[in-house]
Amino acid sequence: MHRSQFLTAFTFFFMLAATLAAQVTPLEIEFELFASGFNDPVGLYHCGDDRLFVLEQDDGHIELLDADGNTLGTFLDVGNLISTGSERGLLGLAFAPDYQSSGTFYINYTNNGGDTVIARYQVDGNDPNVADAGSAEIILTIDQPFGNHNGGHIAFGADGYLYIGMGDGGSAGDPLNLSQNPTSLLGKMLRVDVDQAEGYSIPPDNPYVNDPGIENEIWAIGVRNPWKFSFDRQTGDLWIGDVGQGEWEEIHFQDAGSDGGENYGWRCYEGPDPYNTSGCLPESEYVFPVASISHNSPDNWCSVTGGIVYRGSTYPAMQGKYFFTDYCVGDFYALTAEGEGNFSSDLLVNNRGFGYVAFGEDAGGELYAVRLNGNIEKIVDSCGPFNPTIDAANGALEASSGVAYSWFLNGLEVQGETGASFEPQASGNVYALVENQDGCVRQTNSLDWITVSGVPGCTYPSAENYNVEAAVDDGTCTFSIDTCPGDFDNDAVVGTNDLLGFLTAFGTTCN
């Protein structure tokens, strides 16, 4: 006889071994219209609750939506403060990490002189759906020599600091060589501390603190136009979509453990290729993109739209994937960080069309795409929220949520096991592939199963019903209080499992 015991080790796997990959339905995504009717929307944000905020670039409005996509009105109007045309306008929004208590948020816009402004605002004290327009405080202004490549995105990292993406100043080819110029804030990722009553300060661990030859706000160097960057809300990793010149669109990745100071290469390099290496450092000094998409056929990209890592709970197959697209073509890719500098890439949608300018996520981590035609679209898994699991019950493993099953022990399919229940006859790691009524196949969580052989019975010598021949304890032992040390009721008699739980809680061992 044998008795099976199990150790749970819930780990979701979304990448199978190559021999099994064809059995799992590849991730496909669909787009559901969530809201429409906006004027040149370029961003979608949440403040920690179920509302969503839409940036309208040329109108200078922040429009407010409820959780169902219904309009709640205009949150803030700064149309009289901005200049428009080219790549100017209202470009960025970031809510302070403590927004729910402080009501503080930040915007990025190009002012009437065409320069970048970072300003701080407060929500109205009497109406959470309206900002206090009179609370504006300009904390940073940066001169812009041209009307394009303004960057515009701002976001708080897990460290509580505000990150600002700055383009190289515009025109073409970085003619003023600003991205590699350490005395200019253009062509950089900036990092500042705004957790104070007025203005900002330099975080003490910024990479160039107290270096008189480099602007201390600089976190990273050598970006061309970081049109949308984001932090993985689970890991803290930074992903940057950097718009290319004429050959390559780029995705940069910065591990959460980075101390900053990366040089992403522009104008010396565009994507993987040299662009203008006059006066540049050796190639080894630059950090190259983790993904580069060509402007040439068959890709035909023109301007990358940086995305977001999905961390919602509705679509497990999307979990941990970084979604990004292109403004001209509308291909949608998913990148997955595999660790140790390795990334996998999947083309999910080919040529969805023109005008995708931003991604957004709600407070729950669900993902949205923003289109310049005024539409906000929710990104969903074509298989829906199908998430089969396995669990132990009655000495076997039970799979949920399916109509067909395949079981795997130590990575190998167990022939003939096609039911919802499975009792492994050997120890090892077990998972199942489960198919639902729509024909979608997903992999379950994994469990470690331990099979122990021997005669079942009570194996505790101090028990009243100790069985000297038993090799596998079956949980039937009973103890009188006199046979086990501890502070017990003298009349208590408990089963093995209850006793072990009691003894564990009180730090007592029964021999």
Protein backbone atom coordinates (compact mmCIF):
# COMPACT_ATOMS: atom_id res chain seq x y z
CA MET A 1 0.00 0.00 0.00
CA HIS A 2 1.01 3.59 -0.31
CA ARG A 3 -0.10 6.94 0.95
CA SER A 4 0.37 10.12 -1.10
CA GLN A 5 1.35 13.38 0.52
CA PHE A 6 1.76 16.70 -1.24
CA LEU A 7 3.68 19.94 -0.84
CA THR A 8 1.98 22.89 -2.48
CA ALA A 9 4.21 25.20 -4.45
CA PHE A 10 1.88 27.38 -6.45
CA THR A 11 3.78 28.79 -9.36
CA PHE A 12 2.11 29.94 -12.54
CA PHE A 13 3.94 28.99 -15.73
CA PHE A 14 3.11 30.78 -18.96
CA MET A 15 6.12 29.54 -20.93
CA LEU A 16 6.17 25.79 -21.63
CA ALA A 17 9.09 23.71 -22.83
CA ALA A 18 9.45 23.77 -26.60
CA THR A 19 7.99 20.28 -26.97
CA LEU A 20 4.78 21.35 -25.24
CA ALA A 21 4.37 24.89 -26.55
CA ALA A 22 2.11 23.87 -29.43
CA GLN A 23 -0.44 22.37 -27.03
CA VAL A 24 -1.12 25.63 -25.23
CA THR A 25 -3.19 28.23 -27.05
CA PRO A 26 -0.87 31.14 -27.89
CA LEU A 27 -1.88 34.46 -26.37
CA GLU A 28 -4.16 36.44 -28.63
CA ILE A 29 -5.64 39.80 -27.67
CA GLU A 30 -8.80 41.64 -28.59
CA PHE A 31 -9.88 45.26 -28.19
CA GLU A 32 -13.13 46.31 -26.54
CA LEU A 33 -14.29 49.91 -26.91
CA PHE A 34 -14.34 51.40 -23.42
CA ALA A 35 -14.95 55.12 -24.08
CA SER A 36 -14.92 57.49 -27.06
CA GLY A 37 -15.36 61.08 -28.17
CA PHE A 38 -12.13 62.60 -26.83
CA ASN A 39 -10.12 65.28 -28.63
CA ASP A 40 -6.54 64.12 -29.35
CA PRO A 41 -6.19 61.94 -26.25
CA VAL A 42 -2.57 61.08 -25.40
CA GLY A 43 -2.74 59.46 -21.97
CA LEU A 44 -4.88 57.44 -19.55
CA TYR A 45 -4.18 57.32 -15.81
CA HIS A 46 -5.67 56.28 -12.48
CA CYS A 47 -5.21 57.82 -9.03
CA GLY A 48 -5.62 54.67 -6.96
CA ASP A 49 -9.39 54.34 -7.14
CA ASP A 50 -11.78 53.19 -9.87
CA ARG A 51 -11.77 56.46 -11.86
CA LEU A 52 -9.72 57.06 -15.01
CA PHE A 53 -8.25 60.35 -16.25
CA VAL A 54 -7.80 61.13 -19.96
CA LEU A 55 -5.31 63.74 -21.25
CA GLU A 56 -6.41 65.79 -24.26
CA GLN A 57 -3.23 67.15 -25.83
CA ASP A 58 -4.42 70.21 -27.77
CA ASP A 59 -7.43 71.20 -25.65
CA GLY A 60 -5.35 71.03 -22.49
CA HIS A 61 -8.09 69.11 -20.68
CA ILE A 62 -7.98 66.25 -18.23
CA GLU A 63 -11.31 64.44 -18.64
CA LEU A 64 -12.66 62.10 -15.98
CA LEU A 65 -14.30 58.69 -16.43
CA ASP A 66 -15.94 56.30 -14.02
CA ALA A 67 -15.14 52.57 -13.88
CA ASP A 68 -17.58 51.85 -16.72
CA GLY A 69 -16.21 54.49 -19.10
CA ASN A 70 -18.92 57.08 -18.46
CA THR A 71 -17.88 60.73 -18.53
CA LEU A 72 -17.80 62.52 -15.17
CA GLY A 73 -16.70 65.89 -16.57
CA THR A 74 -13.51 67.92 -16.88
CA PHE A 75 -11.08 67.47 -14.01
CA LEU A 76 -8.69 70.26 -15.08
CA ASP A 77 -8.47 72.74 -17.97
CA VAL A 78 -5.07 74.31 -18.71
CA GLY A 79 -5.84 75.20 -22.32
CA ASN A 80 -4.86 78.83 -21.77
CA LEU A 81 -1.40 77.81 -20.51
CA ILE A 82 -0.23 75.63 -23.38
CA SER A 83 1.14 75.95 -26.88
CA THR A 84 0.06 73.40 -29.47
CA GLY A 85 1.15 72.13 -32.86
CA SER A 86 3.93 69.72 -33.73
CA GLU A 87 4.43 67.62 -30.57
CA ARG A 88 3.45 70.25 -28.02
CA GLY A 89 0.50 70.47 -25.66
CA LEU A 90 -0.63 68.77 -22.46
CA LEU A 91 1.56 65.67 -22.41
CA GLY A 92 1.85 64.10 -18.97
CA LEU A 93 0.07 63.41 -15.68
CA ALA A 94 1.27 61.74 -12.50
CA PHE A 95 -0.57 61.34 -9.20
CA ALA A 96 1.52 61.51 -6.04
CA PRO A 97 1.88 58.11 -4.33
CA ASP A 98 -0.13 59.48 -1.41
CA TYR A 99 -2.76 61.14 -3.61
CA GLN A 100 -5.68 59.59 -1.74
CA SER A 101 -4.67 61.58 1.35
CA SER A 102 -2.73 64.53 -0.09
CA GLY A 103 -4.69 65.27 -3.27
CA THR A 104 -1.45 66.24 -5.02
CA PHE A 105 -0.73 65.60 -8.69
CA TYR A 106 1.66 66.79 -11.40
CA ILE A 107 1.31 67.65 -15.08
CA ASN A 108 3.76 68.12 -17.94
CA TYR A 109 2.92 70.63 -20.68
CA THR A 110 4.57 72.96 -23.18
CA ASN A 111 3.88 76.55 -22.20
CA ASN A 112 3.04 79.49 -24.45
CA GLY A 113 6.74 79.95 -25.12
CA GLY A 114 7.11 76.33 -26.26
CA ASP A 115 9.11 75.21 -23.23
CA THR A 116 8.48 72.18 -21.00
CA VAL A 117 6.81 72.87 -17.66
CA ILE A 118 6.35 70.48 -14.74
CA ALA A 119 3.68 71.84 -12.39
CA ARG A 120 2.10 70.70 -9.14
CA TYR A 121 -1.64 70.89 -8.46
CA GLN A 122 -4.13 69.99 -5.73
CA VAL A 123 -7.57 68.47 -6.00
CA ASP A 124 -10.46 70.70 -4.97
CA GLY A 125 -11.09 70.34 -1.26
CA ASN A 126 -14.84 70.07 -1.76
CA ASP A 127 -15.11 68.00 -4.94
CA PRO A 128 -12.85 64.99 -5.68
CA ASN A 129 -13.84 65.15 -9.37
CA VAL A 130 -12.42 68.64 -9.89
CA ALA A 131 -8.89 69.99 -9.54
CA ASP A 132 -8.11 73.33 -7.91
CA ALA A 133 -6.84 75.33 -10.89
CA GLY A 134 -5.62 78.06 -8.55
CA SER A 135 -3.26 75.68 -6.73
CA ALA A 136 -0.73 75.53 -9.59
CA GLU A 137 2.95 75.68 -8.69
CA ILE A 138 5.58 75.47 -11.41
CA ILE A 139 8.42 73.36 -10.08
CA LEU A 140 10.57 73.03 -13.22
CA THR A 141 10.83 74.72 -16.64
CA ILE A 142 13.13 73.42 -19.40
CA ASP A 143 13.89 75.37 -22.58
CA GLN A 144 12.97 73.65 -25.84
CA PRO A 145 14.88 74.69 -29.00
CA PHE A 146 12.40 73.04 -31.41
CA GLY A 147 8.73 72.09 -31.44
CA ASN A 148 9.14 68.32 -31.54
CA HIS A 149 10.69 65.66 -29.30
CA ASN A 150 9.30 67.12 -26.09
CA GLY A 151 8.98 63.73 -24.41
CA GLY A 152 6.20 64.58 -22.00
CA HIS A 153 5.61 61.53 -19.85
CA ILE A 154 6.06 61.68 -16.08
CA ALA A 155 5.63 58.91 -13.50
CA PHE A 156 6.50 58.03 -9.93
CA GLY A 157 8.81 55.09 -9.32
CA ALA A 158 8.53 52.67 -6.43
CA ASP A 159 11.17 54.82 -4.70
CA GLY A 160 8.67 57.70 -4.48
CA TYR A 161 10.63 59.95 -6.82
CA LEU A 162 9.22 61.65 -9.91
CA TYR A 163 10.74 60.55 -13.23
CA ILE A 164 10.56 62.85 -16.26
CA GLY A 165 11.21 61.76 -19.85
CA MET A 166 12.85 64.50 -21.91
CA GLY A 167 13.34 64.37 -25.67
CA ASP A 168 16.52 65.60 -27.35
CA GLY A 169 15.14 69.04 -28.17
CA GLY A 170 13.83 68.20 -31.61
CA SER A 171 14.56 68.82 -35.26
CA ALA A 172 16.24 65.69 -36.69
CA GLY A 173 19.43 63.87 -35.84
CA ASP A 174 19.98 65.80 -32.59
CA PRO A 175 21.73 68.67 -34.38
CA LEU A 176 22.74 70.36 -31.14
CA ASN A 177 24.13 67.10 -29.71
CA LEU A 178 22.03 67.49 -26.57
CA SER A 179 21.36 63.85 -25.70
CA GLN A 180 25.03 63.18 -25.00
CA ASN A 181 25.61 66.61 -23.42
CA PRO A 182 25.76 66.17 -19.62
CA THR A 183 25.07 69.88 -19.03
CA SER A 184 21.66 69.70 -20.76
CA LEU A 185 18.47 68.13 -19.38
CA LEU A 186 17.32 67.28 -22.91
CA GLY A 187 17.63 63.73 -24.22
CA LYS A 188 17.60 62.41 -20.66
CA MET A 189 15.57 60.59 -18.06
CA LEU A 190 15.34 62.86 -15.01
CA ARG A 191 14.64 61.92 -11.39
CA VAL A 192 13.63 64.46 -8.74
CA ASP A 193 12.22 64.51 -5.22
CA VAL A 194 8.97 66.47 -5.03
CA ASP A 195 7.97 65.34 -1.54
CA GLN A 196 8.25 68.79 -0.03
CA ALA A 197 6.20 71.94 0.36
CA GLU A 198 7.76 73.83 -2.55
CA GLY A 199 9.85 73.06 -5.62
CA TYR A 200 11.94 69.92 -5.77
CA SER A 201 15.26 68.57 -4.55
CA ILE A 202 17.82 66.14 -5.92
CA PRO A 203 17.58 62.59 -4.54
CA PRO A 204 20.81 61.89 -2.65
CA ASP A 205 21.45 58.69 -4.61
CA ASN A 206 21.04 60.18 -8.08
CA PRO A 207 24.04 58.97 -10.12
CA TYR A 208 25.62 62.40 -10.72
CA VAL A 209 24.97 64.07 -7.38
CA ASN A 210 27.55 66.78 -6.64
CA ASP A 211 29.25 66.32 -10.02
CA PRO A 212 29.74 69.91 -11.26
CA GLY A 213 30.06 68.76 -14.86
CA ILE A 214 26.68 66.96 -15.03
CA GLU A 215 23.18 68.17 -14.22
CA ASN A 216 22.26 66.46 -10.97
CA GLU A 217 18.65 65.81 -12.01
CA ILE A 218 19.85 63.34 -14.66
CA TRP A 219 19.05 59.68 -14.06
CA ALA A 220 19.97 58.30 -17.51
CA ILE A 221 21.48 59.72 -20.70
CA GLY A 222 21.09 59.19 -24.42
CA VAL A 223 17.38 58.94 -25.25
CA ARG A 224 15.92 60.55 -28.38
CA ASN A 225 12.25 60.95 -27.49
CA PRO A 226 11.02 58.67 -24.69
CA TRP A 227 7.35 58.71 -25.72
CA LYS A 228 5.86 56.85 -22.77
CA PHE A 229 7.75 54.92 -20.14
CA SER A 230 6.36 52.89 -17.26
CA PHE A 231 7.29 51.07 -14.08
CA ASP A 232 6.27 47.46 -13.57
CA ARG A 233 4.04 47.79 -10.51
CA GLN A 234 5.18 44.36 -9.24
CA THR A 235 8.94 44.44 -9.83
CA GLY A 236 9.70 48.16 -10.11
CA ASP A 237 11.52 47.64 -13.43
CA LEU A 238 11.53 50.59 -15.83
CA TRP A 239 10.51 50.18 -19.48
CA ILE A 240 11.09 53.02 -21.97
CA GLY A 241 9.66 53.38 -25.47
CA ASP A 242 12.19 55.57 -27.33
CA VAL A 243 11.18 56.96 -30.72
CA GLY A 244 13.82 56.41 -33.40
CA GLN A 245 15.15 58.62 -36.18
CA GLY A 246 14.65 56.86 -39.50
CA GLU A 247 15.67 53.22 -39.11
CA TRP A 248 14.76 51.77 -35.71
CA GLU A 249 12.19 52.06 -32.92
CA GLU A 250 13.50 51.08 -29.49
CA ILE A 251 12.45 49.59 -26.17
CA HIS A 252 14.86 50.08 -23.28
CA PHE A 253 14.76 48.13 -20.03
CA GLN A 254 16.21 49.17 -16.69
CA ASP A 255 16.21 46.69 -13.84
CA ALA A 256 14.69 47.92 -10.58
CA GLY A 257 18.05 47.42 -8.90
CA SER A 258 19.79 49.91 -11.16
CA ASP A 259 21.74 52.79 -9.62
CA GLY A 260 21.05 54.91 -12.70
CA GLY A 261 23.62 56.45 -15.00
CA GLU A 262 22.82 54.31 -18.06
CA ASN A 263 23.69 55.79 -21.45
CA TYR A 264 21.19 54.54 -24.02
CA GLY A 265 23.30 55.67 -26.94
CA TRP A 266 21.49 58.31 -28.98
CA ARG A 267 22.84 60.15 -31.14
CA CYS A 268 25.84 57.83 -31.35
CA TYR A 269 23.58 54.82 -32.01
CA GLU A 270 20.06 54.33 -33.29
CA GLY A 271 18.79 50.94 -32.26
CA PRO A 272 21.60 48.41 -32.80
CA ASP A 273 23.36 50.50 -35.49
CA PRO A 274 25.80 53.42 -35.41
CA TYR A 275 24.17 56.74 -36.29
CA ASN A 276 26.68 59.53 -35.67
CA THR A 277 29.64 58.32 -33.64
CA SER A 278 31.71 61.50 -33.88
CA GLY A 279 33.12 62.16 -30.42
CA CYS A 280 31.38 59.10 -28.96
CA LEU A 281 32.56 56.62 -26.36
CA PRO A 282 33.47 53.00 -27.13
CA GLU A 283 30.43 50.87 -27.98
CA SER A 284 30.75 48.97 -24.70
CA GLU A 285 29.83 52.12 -22.76
CA TYR A 286 26.28 52.17 -24.10
CA VAL A 287 23.18 50.20 -23.10
CA PHE A 288 21.44 48.91 -26.21
CA PRO A 289 17.69 48.32 -26.55
CA VAL A 290 16.10 45.03 -25.58
CA ALA A 291 13.87 45.30 -28.65
CA SER A 292 14.38 47.15 -31.93
CA ILE A 293 11.69 47.29 -34.64
CA SER A 294 12.64 48.40 -38.15
CA HIS A 295 11.21 51.22 -40.25
CA ASN A 296 11.81 49.04 -43.30
CA SER A 297 9.63 46.29 -44.76
CA PRO A 298 8.05 44.14 -43.47
CA ASP A 299 7.72 46.06 -40.17
CA ASN A 300 7.34 49.61 -41.53
CA TRP A 301 7.21 51.17 -38.09
CA CYS A 302 7.54 54.94 -37.65
CA SER A 303 7.11 55.87 -33.97
CA VAL A 304 7.04 53.49 -31.03
CA THR A 305 4.37 53.89 -28.35
CA GLY A 306 5.83 52.70 -25.07
CA GLY A 307 3.57 50.49 -23.02
CA ILE A 308 2.91 48.80 -19.71
CA VAL A 309 3.52 45.43 -18.04
CA TYR A 310 0.18 43.74 -17.41
CA ARG A 311 -0.34 43.02 -13.71
CA GLY A 312 -4.09 42.65 -13.64
CA SER A 313 -5.88 39.60 -12.27
CA THR A 314 -8.45 38.97 -15.01
CA TYR A 315 -6.22 37.49 -17.74
CA PRO A 316 -3.45 35.27 -16.32
CA ALA A 317 -1.95 34.54 -19.77
CA MET A 318 -1.14 38.26 -20.10
CA GLN A 319 0.56 38.37 -16.70
CA GLY A 320 4.09 39.81 -16.68
CA LYS A 321 4.12 40.76 -20.36
CA TYR A 322 5.09 44.25 -21.52
CA PHE A 323 2.75 45.46 -24.27
CA PHE A 324 3.81 48.09 -26.80
CA THR A 325 2.84 49.25 -30.28
CA ASP A 326 3.60 51.67 -33.14
CA TYR A 327 1.83 54.94 -33.99
CA CYS A 328 1.73 54.30 -37.76
CA VAL A 329 1.21 50.57 -38.17
CA GLY A 330 -0.55 49.44 -35.00
CA ASP A 331 1.30 46.16 -34.53
CA PHE A 332 1.03 45.03 -30.92
CA TYR A 333 3.94 43.17 -29.34
CA ALA A 334 4.45 41.56 -25.94
CA LEU A 335 7.91 41.39 -24.39
CA THR A 336 8.63 39.13 -21.43
CA ALA A 337 11.65 39.57 -19.19
CA GLU A 338 13.04 36.06 -18.68
CA GLY A 339 15.81 37.08 -16.27
CA GLU A 340 19.58 37.38 -16.65
CA GLY A 341 19.14 39.91 -19.45
CA ASN A 342 17.01 37.63 -21.65
CA PHE A 343 13.73 38.67 -23.26
CA SER A 344 11.17 36.87 -25.39
CA SER A 345 9.03 38.68 -27.94
CA ASP A 346 5.62 37.82 -29.41
CA LEU A 347 3.76 39.63 -32.18
CA LEU A 348 0.15 39.54 -30.99
CA VAL A 349 -1.63 41.76 -33.52
CA ASN A 350 -0.49 42.71 -36.99
CA ASN A 351 -1.36 46.08 -38.54
CA ARG A 352 -4.30 47.20 -36.43
CA GLY A 353 -3.91 50.65 -37.94
CA PHE A 354 -2.90 54.23 -37.33
CA GLY A 355 -3.00 56.38 -34.23
CA TYR A 356 -2.25 54.36 -31.07
CA VAL A 357 -0.47 56.92 -28.88
CA ALA A 358 -0.58 55.56 -25.33
CA PHE A 359 -1.35 52.71 -22.96
CA GLY A 360 -2.98 53.04 -19.60
CA GLU A 361 -3.91 50.83 -16.66
CA ASP A 362 -6.60 51.08 -14.05
CA ALA A 363 -6.10 50.64 -10.34
CA GLY A 364 -6.54 46.88 -10.70
CA GLY A 365 -3.87 46.59 -13.39
CA GLU A 366 -6.19 46.02 -16.34
CA LEU A 367 -4.81 47.37 -19.61
CA TYR A 368 -6.10 49.98 -22.08
CA ALA A 369 -4.93 51.48 -25.38
CA VAL A 370 -5.46 55.13 -26.30
CA ARG A 371 -6.06 56.09 -29.91
CA LEU A 372 -5.73 59.58 -31.35
CA ASN A 373 -9.17 59.22 -33.01
CA GLY A 374 -10.70 59.70 -29.57
CA ASN A 375 -11.21 56.07 -28.56
CA ILE A 376 -10.12 54.29 -25.38
CA GLU A 377 -9.97 50.52 -25.90
CA LYS A 378 -9.63 47.82 -23.28
CA ILE A 379 -7.14 45.05 -24.11
CA VAL A 380 -8.42 41.56 -23.30
CA ASP A 381 -7.27 37.98 -23.74
CA SER A 382 -9.21 36.31 -26.58
CA CYS A 383 -9.58 33.24 -24.33
CA GLY A 384 -11.15 35.39 -21.65
CA PRO A 385 -10.38 35.00 -17.95
CA PHE A 386 -9.77 31.25 -18.34
CA ASN A 387 -7.51 30.23 -15.45
CA PRO A 388 -7.62 26.50 -14.66
CA THR A 389 -6.04 25.28 -11.41
CA ILE A 390 -5.23 22.00 -9.71
CA ASP A 391 -5.55 21.21 -6.04
CA ALA A 392 -5.30 18.16 -3.79
CA ALA A 393 -8.49 16.48 -2.62
CA ASN A 394 -9.25 12.99 -1.29
CA GLY A 395 -5.79 11.63 -2.00
CA ALA A 396 -5.71 12.81 -5.61
CA LEU A 397 -5.30 15.97 -7.66
CA GLU A 398 -8.37 17.71 -9.06
CA ALA A 399 -8.35 20.12 -12.00
CA SER A 400 -10.92 22.86 -12.43
CA SER A 401 -12.68 24.74 -15.20
CA GLY A 402 -12.29 22.47 -18.19
CA VAL A 403 -13.82 19.98 -20.59
CA ALA A 404 -10.60 18.11 -21.53
CA TYR A 405 -7.41 17.44 -19.57
CA SER A 406 -3.82 16.29 -20.04
CA TRP A 407 -1.65 15.60 -16.99
CA PHE A 408 2.13 16.01 -16.79
CA LEU A 409 4.55 14.54 -14.28
CA ASN A 410 8.06 15.98 -14.26
CA GLY A 411 7.41 17.58 -17.63
CA LEU A 412 6.24 14.41 -19.38
CA GLU A 413 2.66 13.72 -20.36
CA VAL A 414 1.07 10.83 -18.46
CA GLN A 415 -0.56 8.71 -21.13
CA GLY A 416 -4.18 7.77 -20.59
CA GLU A 417 -4.81 10.36 -17.87
CA THR A 418 -7.44 12.62 -19.46
CA GLY A 419 -9.91 13.13 -16.64
CA ALA A 420 -10.33 15.98 -14.18
CA SER A 421 -8.88 13.82 -11.38
CA PHE A 422 -5.38 12.31 -11.27
CA GLU A 423 -3.52 10.33 -8.59
CA PRO A 424 0.18 10.23 -9.45
CA GLN A 425 1.88 6.90 -8.87
CA ALA A 426 5.32 8.49 -8.49
CA SER A 427 6.77 11.56 -6.84
CA GLY A 428 7.39 14.69 -8.86
CA ASN A 429 6.14 18.01 -10.16
CA VAL A 430 2.62 17.86 -11.56
CA TYR A 431 0.56 20.22 -13.67
CA ALA A 432 -2.21 19.89 -16.23
CA LEU A 433 -3.18 21.36 -19.58
CA VAL A 434 -6.87 22.14 -19.53
CA GLU A 435 -9.12 22.95 -22.48
CA ASN A 436 -12.33 24.92 -22.06
CA GLN A 437 -15.54 24.84 -24.06
CA ASP A 438 -14.18 27.47 -26.48
CA GLY A 439 -11.15 25.37 -27.40
CA CYS A 440 -8.64 27.44 -25.42
CA VAL A 441 -5.89 25.48 -23.67
CA ARG A 442 -4.07 26.86 -20.63
CA GLN A 443 -1.54 25.41 -18.18
CA THR A 444 -2.46 25.16 -14.52
CA ASN A 445 -0.40 25.91 -11.46
CA SER A 446 2.19 23.31 -10.47
CA LEU A 447 2.21 21.06 -7.39
CA ASP A 448 5.02 18.93 -5.94
CA TRP A 449 3.63 15.45 -5.17
CA ILE A 450 5.43 13.08 -2.82
CA THR A 451 4.57 9.39 -2.78
CA VAL A 452 5.57 7.48 0.36
CA SER A 453 5.31 3.65 0.44
CA GLY A 454 4.74 1.49 3.50
CA VAL A 455 2.16 0.15 5.98
CA PRO A 456 -0.22 2.89 7.14
CA GLY A 457 -1.02 3.37 10.82
CA CYS A 458 -0.09 5.30 13.94
CA THR A 459 3.69 5.84 14.04
CA TYR A 460 3.98 7.79 17.35
CA PRO A 461 5.36 5.46 20.10
CA SER A 462 3.73 7.55 22.82
CA ALA A 463 0.27 7.16 21.30
CA GLU A 464 -2.31 4.89 22.85
CA ASN A 465 -2.78 3.07 19.54
CA TYR A 466 0.86 2.98 18.38
CA ASN A 467 1.44 0.38 15.62
CA VAL A 468 4.99 -0.95 15.63
CA GLU A 469 4.62 -2.18 12.04
CA ALA A 470 3.37 1.16 10.64
CA ALA A 471 5.74 3.02 8.29
CA VAL A 472 3.37 5.77 7.08
CA ASP A 473 1.40 7.73 9.64
CA ASP A 474 -2.26 7.85 8.65
CA GLY A 475 -3.39 10.50 11.15
CA THR A 476 -5.25 8.09 13.48
CA CYS A 477 -3.02 8.39 16.57
CA THR A 478 -4.71 9.26 19.86
CA PHE A 479 -2.95 10.46 22.98
CA SER A 480 -3.87 10.68 26.60
CA ILE A 481 -2.56 13.84 28.20
CA ASP A 482 -0.21 11.87 30.43
CA THR A 483 1.79 10.53 27.51
CA CYS A 484 2.69 13.87 25.94
CA PRO A 485 4.31 16.87 27.66
CA GLY A 486 2.59 20.23 27.53
CA ASP A 487 -0.06 22.24 29.26
CA PHE A 488 -3.19 20.27 28.31
CA ASP A 489 -6.56 19.55 29.82
CA ASN A 490 -6.17 16.24 31.73
CA ASP A 491 -9.21 14.79 30.05
CA ALA A 492 -8.12 15.74 26.49
CA VAL A 493 -7.69 13.14 23.80
CA VAL A 494 -6.70 14.48 20.38
CA GLY A 495 -5.99 13.03 16.98
CA THR A 496 -2.54 13.24 15.42
CA ASN A 497 -3.29 16.16 13.12
CA ASP A 498 -4.96 18.25 15.83
CA LEU A 499 -2.15 17.48 18.26
CA LEU A 500 0.56 18.49 15.83
CA GLY A 501 -1.19 21.75 15.12
CA PHE A 502 -1.56 22.44 18.84
CA LEU A 503 2.01 21.54 19.62
CA THR A 504 3.30 23.66 16.76
CA ALA A 505 1.34 26.64 18.00
CA PHE A 506 2.75 26.27 21.50
CA GLY A 507 6.27 25.26 20.48
CA THR A 508 5.99 21.85 22.14
CA THR A 509 7.35 18.56 20.79
CA CYS A 510 5.66 15.21 21.47
CA ASN A 511 8.03 12.16 21.31
